[in-house]
Amino acid sequence: MQISERLRSIKPSLTLSVNSRALELKAQGINVTSLAVGEPDFPTPKHICDAAKVAIDANFCRYTAVPGIPELRKAAGDYFGRTYGVAVPPESIIIGAGGKHCLYNFIQATINPGDEVLIPAPYWLSYPDMVELAGGVPVSVYAGADLGFKVTTAMLEAKTTDKTRLLILNSPSNPSGAVYTEAEFASIMRWALDRGLFVLSDEIYDQLVFAPARMSSAIPWFQKYPEQVAVLNGTSKSYAMTGWRIGYLAASAQLVKAMSALQGHSTSSICSISQKAALAALEGPTDYLATMREAFCRRRDMAMEIIGGWGKAICPTPDGAFYLFVDVHQYYNDSVSNSTELCTRLLDKAHVAVVPGAAFGDDNCIRFSYAVADDVLADALARVGAVLAELG
């Protein structure tokens, strides 16, 4: 059997060995606590589920327009207007089967073979592979814990060449939870636009920012530079709708048409019922968001206090999302020399599943999700701390 060359370039997930070991332990009857899942532990709000039930009862079960039903495209554009003061017209919105789908199609539509893409690291693990699948070259721009996991324009400039075409920004960040300040964000945007680069701003966690930090969106920049800026968002994180698979992208009408053509030959239209649910999410009440933010902020603070007692761990306080990206390289030794080996040790000894930082471009770190109940989080982190103490 022939496997295409482009798929041969895709690296196996660094989390596979850890996940496999977790399944082995569970099969042995061992209770494994997962701090690896990147999704809210809150249920999808009732009014969203009710809208889906109404759609089913109304037999809204046929194909829809490829870029999304008109009312959802309008609602997504209105969301930007309501949240950031810049409404986006429906023709500049495309709906995808999750934010990942939108991002994949965007990269396929904008990157040619040999084009270089700047990706601040630590990064969401799928960015580099998506670029490679388009024939592009991912260029990592690393900022460690000492910099709060945030890059500067000087760092980006140092990695820019005449082949650089795109910069991917992600704030709040997965895996670090880092949030760029308004000044930092504006500086990077001005630099990229002056350089003639395209900027994709991944804002999937935009509603999960903790005061006093504030969200800086690229939507105002999109309004001024529609040919150089695109903004990714979706319902998965802020609306606890991970399994519904609805994302949306704001881009120029021309680019949306190109992405729609690609989408028409792959997934075609997006799930009709999920689109109606997403419409209810974007147009309905959002009071539950405050409850989510309060819970995540409380868990973050509790976790930071526990991690602060570990001694050798370094963890900048995240201002958004629901992750802790902890620098643990001072615990490495002859028996545990990298993040994957440490995650395996934590599974075997602490029975806690976390994600190796190597998957995100930083082998010094491991990623915890605190989207679990407070008592579960506290217990798991205590067990992790005990294993780290054994390593010295």
Protein backbone atom coordinates (compact mmCIF):
# COMPACT_ATOMS: atom_id res chain seq x y z
CA MET A 1 0.00 0.00 0.00
CA GLN A 2 1.25 3.47 -0.88
CA ILE A 3 1.09 6.21 1.74
CA SER A 4 1.31 9.76 0.35
CA GLU A 5 4.51 11.70 0.92
CA ARG A 6 2.63 14.56 2.58
CA LEU A 7 1.30 12.21 5.28
CA ARG A 8 4.73 10.74 5.84
CA SER A 9 5.86 14.17 6.98
CA ILE A 10 3.32 14.19 9.81
CA LYS A 11 4.90 13.25 13.11
CA PRO A 12 3.18 10.76 15.42
CA SER A 13 1.62 12.41 18.44
CA LEU A 14 4.03 12.62 21.36
CA THR A 15 1.11 11.95 23.65
CA LEU A 16 0.33 8.53 22.17
CA SER A 17 2.66 6.61 24.48
CA VAL A 18 1.25 8.39 27.53
CA ASN A 19 -2.34 7.80 26.41
CA SER A 20 -1.59 4.15 25.71
CA ARG A 21 -0.11 3.72 29.18
CA ALA A 22 -3.15 5.42 30.73
CA LEU A 23 -5.43 2.91 29.04
CA GLU A 24 -3.28 0.05 30.32
CA LEU A 25 -3.57 1.32 33.89
CA LYS A 26 -7.32 1.78 33.58
CA ALA A 27 -7.61 -1.78 32.26
CA GLN A 28 -5.86 -2.92 35.44
CA GLY A 29 -8.54 -1.21 37.49
CA ILE A 30 -6.36 1.75 38.47
CA ASN A 31 -8.15 5.07 38.75
CA VAL A 32 -6.28 7.52 36.51
CA THR A 33 -6.99 11.24 36.86
CA SER A 34 -6.72 13.11 33.58
CA LEU A 35 -5.48 16.68 33.57
CA ALA A 36 -4.86 16.38 29.84
CA VAL A 37 -8.23 17.15 28.29
CA GLY A 38 -8.59 20.54 26.65
CA GLU A 39 -12.29 21.11 27.18
CA PRO A 40 -14.47 22.79 29.81
CA ASP A 41 -15.97 20.49 32.43
CA PHE A 42 -19.22 22.46 32.31
CA PRO A 43 -22.29 21.17 30.47
CA THR A 44 -23.49 22.86 27.31
CA PRO A 45 -26.01 25.51 28.49
CA LYS A 46 -29.63 24.36 28.39
CA HIS A 47 -30.90 26.96 25.94
CA ILE A 48 -28.34 25.76 23.41
CA CYS A 49 -29.38 22.12 23.81
CA ASP A 50 -33.04 23.14 23.59
CA ALA A 51 -32.39 24.91 20.28
CA ALA A 52 -30.87 21.74 18.89
CA LYS A 53 -33.91 19.72 19.98
CA VAL A 54 -36.22 22.22 18.30
CA ALA A 55 -34.19 21.94 15.10
CA ILE A 56 -34.45 18.15 15.18
CA ASP A 57 -38.20 18.28 15.77
CA ALA A 58 -38.52 20.70 12.86
CA ASN A 59 -36.57 18.22 10.70
CA PHE A 60 -33.82 20.74 10.04
CA CYS A 61 -31.76 17.79 8.91
CA ARG A 62 -30.80 18.52 5.31
CA TYR A 63 -27.70 19.87 3.64
CA THR A 64 -27.10 23.56 4.24
CA ALA A 65 -25.04 26.13 2.35
CA VAL A 66 -21.37 25.13 2.41
CA PRO A 67 -20.07 28.23 4.28
CA GLY A 68 -22.88 28.00 6.84
CA ILE A 69 -26.51 28.98 7.21
CA PRO A 70 -26.97 32.73 6.60
CA GLU A 71 -28.32 33.47 10.07
CA LEU A 72 -25.32 31.83 11.77
CA ARG A 73 -22.83 33.68 9.56
CA LYS A 74 -24.60 36.91 10.51
CA ALA A 75 -24.63 35.99 14.20
CA ALA A 76 -20.89 35.28 14.13
CA GLY A 77 -20.24 38.62 12.47
CA ASP A 78 -22.49 40.34 15.00
CA TYR A 79 -20.59 38.67 17.83
CA PHE A 80 -17.46 40.55 16.79
CA GLY A 81 -19.43 43.77 16.63
CA ARG A 82 -20.99 43.25 20.05
CA THR A 83 -17.73 42.18 21.68
CA TYR A 84 -15.10 44.30 19.92
CA GLY A 85 -17.06 47.08 18.25
CA VAL A 86 -16.47 45.89 14.70
CA ALA A 87 -19.29 43.96 13.05
CA VAL A 88 -18.17 41.64 10.27
CA PRO A 89 -20.48 41.20 7.24
CA PRO A 90 -21.78 37.65 6.64
CA GLU A 91 -19.89 37.32 3.37
CA SER A 92 -16.66 37.61 5.38
CA ILE A 93 -17.59 34.74 7.72
CA ILE A 94 -17.22 31.02 7.08
CA ILE A 95 -18.51 28.31 9.42
CA GLY A 96 -16.43 25.16 9.92
CA ALA A 97 -16.62 21.86 11.75
CA GLY A 98 -14.74 23.33 14.70
CA GLY A 99 -12.01 25.93 14.84
CA LYS A 100 -9.45 23.33 13.76
CA HIS A 101 -11.35 22.76 10.52
CA CYS A 102 -11.45 26.50 9.79
CA LEU A 103 -7.74 26.81 10.48
CA TYR A 104 -6.85 23.83 8.29
CA ASN A 105 -8.83 25.21 5.36
CA PHE A 106 -7.39 28.69 5.89
CA ILE A 107 -3.83 27.40 5.69
CA GLN A 108 -4.64 25.28 2.63
CA ALA A 109 -6.13 28.37 0.98
CA THR A 110 -3.27 30.76 1.74
CA ILE A 111 0.02 28.83 1.88
CA ASN A 112 2.02 27.65 -1.12
CA PRO A 113 4.87 25.10 -1.05
CA GLY A 114 7.97 26.67 0.44
CA ASP A 115 6.16 29.50 2.19
CA GLU A 116 7.37 30.04 5.74
CA VAL A 117 4.97 30.49 8.65
CA LEU A 118 6.02 32.07 11.95
CA ILE A 119 4.64 30.14 14.91
CA PRO A 120 5.37 31.47 18.41
CA ALA A 121 6.29 28.61 20.73
CA PRO A 122 5.01 27.06 22.86
CA TYR A 123 2.26 26.54 20.30
CA TRP A 124 -0.93 24.56 19.87
CA LEU A 125 0.36 21.24 18.63
CA SER A 126 -1.49 21.11 15.28
CA TYR A 127 -0.14 24.37 13.83
CA PRO A 128 3.16 23.00 12.44
CA ASP A 129 1.60 19.86 10.96
CA MET A 130 -1.14 21.87 9.25
CA VAL A 131 1.50 24.10 7.67
CA GLU A 132 3.50 21.10 6.49
CA LEU A 133 0.40 19.50 4.98
CA ALA A 134 0.07 22.61 2.81
CA GLY A 135 3.70 22.30 1.74
CA GLY A 136 4.72 25.22 3.92
CA VAL A 137 7.61 25.49 6.37
CA PRO A 138 6.75 26.05 10.05
CA VAL A 139 9.24 28.37 11.74
CA SER A 140 9.15 28.19 15.52
CA VAL A 141 9.83 31.38 17.49
CA TYR A 142 10.53 30.26 21.03
CA ALA A 143 9.73 32.20 24.21
CA GLY A 144 10.23 30.29 27.45
CA ALA A 145 8.85 30.65 30.94
CA ASP A 146 11.30 33.48 31.68
CA LEU A 147 9.48 35.57 29.07
CA GLY A 148 6.03 34.53 30.18
CA PHE A 149 5.82 32.42 27.01
CA LYS A 150 5.31 35.58 24.92
CA VAL A 151 7.39 36.55 21.88
CA THR A 152 8.52 40.06 20.93
CA THR A 153 8.77 41.76 17.56
CA ALA A 154 12.57 41.48 17.74
CA MET A 155 12.29 37.72 18.16
CA LEU A 156 9.89 37.48 15.22
CA GLU A 157 12.08 39.70 13.06
CA ALA A 158 15.08 37.46 13.73
CA LYS A 159 13.23 34.48 12.21
CA THR A 160 11.71 36.35 9.25
CA THR A 161 13.01 35.83 5.72
CA ASP A 162 11.91 36.75 2.22
CA LYS A 163 9.88 33.51 2.23
CA THR A 164 7.84 34.38 5.32
CA ARG A 165 4.15 34.76 4.47
CA LEU A 166 2.11 34.21 7.63
CA LEU A 167 2.21 34.75 11.39
CA ILE A 168 -0.07 32.69 13.63
CA LEU A 169 -0.94 34.40 16.92
CA ASN A 170 -2.79 32.62 19.72
CA SER A 171 -3.91 34.69 22.71
CA PRO A 172 -5.04 33.41 25.17
CA SER A 173 -2.63 30.62 24.42
CA ASN A 174 -2.95 26.89 24.40
CA PRO A 175 -0.83 25.52 26.10
CA SER A 176 0.43 28.37 28.30
CA GLY A 177 -2.64 30.49 28.99
CA ALA A 178 -0.52 33.56 28.20
CA VAL A 179 -2.43 36.68 27.14
CA TYR A 180 -0.72 39.48 25.23
CA THR A 181 -1.38 42.94 26.62
CA GLU A 182 -2.93 45.52 24.33
CA ALA A 183 0.45 47.18 23.83
CA GLU A 184 2.22 43.88 23.12
CA PHE A 185 -0.49 42.76 20.72
CA ALA A 186 -0.57 46.10 18.87
CA SER A 187 3.22 46.11 18.53
CA ILE A 188 3.22 42.66 16.95
CA MET A 189 0.32 43.49 14.63
CA ARG A 190 1.97 46.72 13.42
CA TRP A 191 5.24 44.93 12.83
CA ALA A 192 3.62 42.09 10.87
CA LEU A 193 1.47 44.36 8.72
CA ASP A 194 4.38 46.70 7.97
CA ARG A 195 6.35 43.61 6.98
CA GLY A 196 3.59 42.67 4.52
CA LEU A 197 2.75 39.47 6.37
CA PHE A 198 -0.66 37.87 6.76
CA VAL A 199 -1.75 37.42 10.40
CA LEU A 200 -4.07 34.67 11.61
CA SER A 201 -5.27 35.45 15.14
CA ASP A 202 -6.56 32.36 16.92
CA GLU A 203 -8.97 33.71 19.55
CA ILE A 204 -10.83 30.55 20.50
CA TYR A 205 -10.36 31.31 24.25
CA ASP A 206 -11.31 34.99 24.01
CA GLN A 207 -14.08 34.77 26.65
CA LEU A 208 -11.81 33.01 29.13
CA VAL A 209 -9.57 35.89 30.19
CA PHE A 210 -9.14 36.65 33.88
CA ALA A 211 -9.18 40.19 35.29
CA PRO A 212 -7.22 42.37 35.45
CA ALA A 213 -5.95 41.01 32.12
CA ARG A 214 -7.99 42.06 29.09
CA MET A 215 -8.54 40.46 25.72
CA SER A 216 -6.95 42.11 22.68
CA SER A 217 -8.58 41.04 19.43
CA ALA A 218 -7.34 41.39 15.87
CA ILE A 219 -10.84 42.26 14.65
CA PRO A 220 -10.17 46.04 14.61
CA TRP A 221 -7.08 45.29 12.55
CA PHE A 222 -9.13 43.11 10.21
CA GLN A 223 -11.43 46.06 9.61
CA LYS A 224 -8.46 48.18 8.46
CA TYR A 225 -6.45 45.43 6.71
CA PRO A 226 -8.93 42.80 5.46
CA GLU A 227 -6.41 41.40 2.97
CA GLN A 228 -3.81 40.75 5.67
CA VAL A 229 -5.75 39.66 8.76
CA ALA A 230 -8.07 36.77 9.62
CA VAL A 231 -9.60 35.96 13.00
CA LEU A 232 -10.49 32.48 14.21
CA ASN A 233 -13.08 31.77 16.87
CA GLY A 234 -15.72 29.18 17.73
CA THR A 235 -18.14 27.83 20.28
CA SER A 236 -16.12 24.95 21.71
CA LYS A 237 -14.38 26.60 24.66
CA SER A 238 -16.45 29.62 25.71
CA TYR A 239 -19.79 27.85 25.27
CA ALA A 240 -18.72 24.36 26.43
CA MET A 241 -19.60 22.93 23.01
CA THR A 242 -16.49 20.92 22.10
CA GLY A 243 -18.40 17.97 20.68
CA TRP A 244 -20.79 20.10 18.63
CA ARG A 245 -17.89 21.03 16.32
CA ILE A 246 -18.62 24.60 15.29
CA GLY A 247 -15.93 27.15 14.51
CA TYR A 248 -15.97 30.32 12.46
CA LEU A 249 -13.43 32.50 10.70
CA ALA A 250 -13.55 36.17 9.75
CA ALA A 251 -11.60 36.87 6.57
CA SER A 252 -11.90 38.80 3.33
CA ALA A 253 -14.90 37.83 1.19
CA GLN A 254 -12.50 36.62 -1.51
CA LEU A 255 -10.69 34.32 0.90
CA VAL A 256 -13.99 33.04 2.32
CA LYS A 257 -15.06 32.10 -1.22
CA ALA A 258 -11.80 30.21 -1.76
CA MET A 259 -12.15 28.37 1.54
CA SER A 260 -15.78 27.58 0.74
CA ALA A 261 -14.72 26.01 -2.55
CA LEU A 262 -12.24 23.81 -0.69
CA GLN A 263 -14.80 22.96 1.97
CA GLY A 264 -17.29 22.01 -0.72
CA HIS A 265 -14.95 19.26 -1.88
CA SER A 266 -14.15 17.92 1.59
CA THR A 267 -16.82 18.16 4.27
CA SER A 268 -19.40 20.06 2.22
CA SER A 269 -21.86 21.67 4.63
CA ILE A 270 -21.51 21.64 8.41
CA CYS A 271 -23.87 19.67 10.68
CA SER A 272 -27.24 21.41 10.43
CA ILE A 273 -28.29 20.74 14.02
CA SER A 274 -24.98 22.00 15.42
CA GLN A 275 -25.37 25.19 13.42
CA LYS A 276 -28.76 25.88 15.02
CA ALA A 277 -27.24 25.19 18.45
CA ALA A 278 -24.39 27.59 17.71
CA LEU A 279 -26.88 30.22 16.62
CA ALA A 280 -28.57 29.96 20.02
CA ALA A 281 -25.17 30.22 21.70
CA LEU A 282 -24.19 33.40 19.87
CA GLU A 283 -27.59 35.07 20.19
CA GLY A 284 -28.63 33.83 23.63
CA PRO A 285 -27.76 34.69 27.23
CA THR A 286 -24.15 34.54 28.35
CA ASP A 287 -24.46 34.99 32.11
CA TYR A 288 -22.98 31.51 32.64
CA LEU A 289 -19.66 32.77 31.28
CA ALA A 290 -19.03 34.66 34.50
CA THR A 291 -19.57 31.43 36.45
CA MET A 292 -17.09 29.59 34.23
CA ARG A 293 -14.48 32.31 34.50
CA GLU A 294 -14.86 32.46 38.27
CA ALA A 295 -14.38 28.69 38.58
CA PHE A 296 -11.37 28.60 36.27
CA CYS A 297 -9.76 31.58 38.00
CA ARG A 298 -10.28 29.97 41.41
CA ARG A 299 -8.78 26.69 40.24
CA ARG A 300 -5.86 28.50 38.63
CA ASP A 301 -5.05 30.30 41.87
CA MET A 302 -5.32 27.10 43.90
CA ALA A 303 -3.10 25.23 41.46
CA MET A 304 -0.52 28.02 41.39
CA GLU A 305 -0.29 27.90 45.19
CA ILE A 306 0.28 24.14 45.14
CA ILE A 307 2.84 24.32 42.34
CA GLY A 308 4.61 27.12 44.19
CA GLY A 309 5.38 24.59 46.93
CA TRP A 310 7.09 22.15 44.61
CA GLY A 311 10.40 24.01 44.76
CA LYS A 312 11.96 23.56 41.33
CA ALA A 313 8.93 24.13 39.12
CA ILE A 314 8.48 27.41 37.26
CA CYS A 315 5.02 28.49 36.11
CA PRO A 316 4.15 32.02 34.99
CA THR A 317 0.61 32.84 36.09
CA PRO A 318 -1.69 32.30 33.10
CA ASP A 319 -4.16 35.09 32.37
CA GLY A 320 -6.55 33.02 30.27
CA ALA A 321 -7.79 29.65 28.99
CA PHE A 322 -7.62 26.77 31.51
CA TYR A 323 -4.08 25.44 31.28
CA LEU A 324 -0.91 25.56 33.34
CA PHE A 325 2.33 25.14 31.39
CA VAL A 326 4.87 24.22 34.04
CA ASP A 327 8.62 24.30 33.45
CA VAL A 328 9.92 21.17 35.18
CA HIS A 329 13.29 20.70 33.49
CA GLN A 330 15.14 21.06 36.81
CA TYR A 331 13.67 17.70 37.80
CA TYR A 332 15.20 15.90 34.80
CA ASN A 333 17.91 13.37 35.58
CA ASP A 334 19.40 10.15 34.19
CA SER A 335 16.12 8.26 34.63
CA VAL A 336 13.77 11.03 33.46
CA SER A 337 15.40 13.21 30.84
CA ASN A 338 12.52 14.84 28.95
CA SER A 339 8.86 15.81 29.21
CA THR A 340 7.53 12.60 27.65
CA GLU A 341 9.46 10.40 30.09
CA LEU A 342 8.28 12.56 32.97
CA CYS A 343 4.64 12.30 31.88
CA THR A 344 5.02 8.55 31.73
CA ARG A 345 6.51 8.55 35.25
CA LEU A 346 3.60 10.66 36.53
CA LEU A 347 1.16 8.17 35.04
CA ASP A 348 2.90 5.18 36.55
CA LYS A 349 3.56 6.66 39.99
CA ALA A 350 0.94 9.37 40.54
CA HIS A 351 -1.71 7.97 38.20
CA VAL A 352 -2.18 11.44 36.70
CA ALA A 353 -2.27 12.01 32.94
CA VAL A 354 -0.75 15.26 31.66
CA VAL A 355 0.63 16.29 28.26
CA PRO A 356 4.36 16.47 27.42
CA GLY A 357 5.55 19.96 26.58
CA ALA A 358 7.49 18.57 23.63
CA ALA A 359 4.17 18.28 21.81
CA PHE A 360 3.86 22.07 22.08
CA GLY A 361 7.42 22.91 21.12
CA ASP A 362 8.89 23.18 24.63
CA ASP A 363 10.39 20.02 26.10
CA ASN A 364 11.13 21.81 29.38
CA CYS A 365 7.45 21.85 30.29
CA ILE A 366 4.35 19.76 30.87
CA ARG A 367 0.76 20.93 30.39
CA PHE A 368 -1.97 20.58 32.99
CA SER A 369 -5.62 21.33 32.33
CA TYR A 370 -7.50 22.66 35.35
CA ALA A 371 -10.90 22.09 33.75
CA VAL A 372 -11.76 19.57 36.47
CA ALA A 373 -13.45 19.79 39.86
CA ASP A 374 -11.51 21.64 42.55
CA ASP A 375 -11.00 18.62 44.79
CA VAL A 376 -9.92 16.43 41.87
CA LEU A 377 -7.39 19.06 40.80
CA ALA A 378 -5.97 19.50 44.30
CA ASP A 379 -5.59 15.75 44.83
CA ALA A 380 -3.95 15.18 41.44
CA LEU A 381 -1.47 18.02 41.87
CA ALA A 382 -0.55 16.76 45.34
CA ARG A 383 0.25 13.35 43.87
CA VAL A 384 2.28 14.95 41.06
CA GLY A 385 4.22 16.98 43.62
CA ALA A 386 5.08 13.85 45.58
CA VAL A 387 6.56 12.18 42.50
CA LEU A 388 8.55 15.28 41.60
CA ALA A 389 9.92 15.40 45.15
CA GLU A 390 11.20 11.84 44.68
CA LEU A 391 13.11 12.99 41.60
CA GLY A 392 14.88 15.57 43.73
